[in-house]
Amino acid sequence: QVQLVESGGGLVQAGGSLRLSCAASGSIFSINAMGWYRQAPGKQRAWVASITSGGRPNYADSVKGRFTISRSNAMNTVWLQMNSLKPEDTAVYYCTAGNSWGQGTQVTVSS
């Protein structure tokens, strides 16, 4: 079992930046890819970005060029740097690794 704890959400104006962090603990030896999803009000949870244990990132088209995912295997942490934020980025952001999910962190972007 892997436990994931996110942090770094908040309120920001459009065009601003936020950096989300996700710390993993527990059965971390089982972790391969880690990623971020988000769920906006009234919408289904959607994939945002993921990164392999070797550091290869992938992004949803909606965030490509604005968001950067990175990780430290030594620190068992994954980050999501979000730049040029838009109101449509407003959502609860969830960290995932294997079958585990974090509790989510709210990101609100005001226009």
Foldseek 3Di string as FASTA:
>chain_A
DKAKAKDWADEEAAQAKIKMKIAIDDPLVPFFKKAKWWDDPPGDIGGAKMATPVGDIDGDPVQPPFWDWGDDSVRRMIMIIGGRDDQVVFTWMWMDTDPDIYPTDTHGYHD
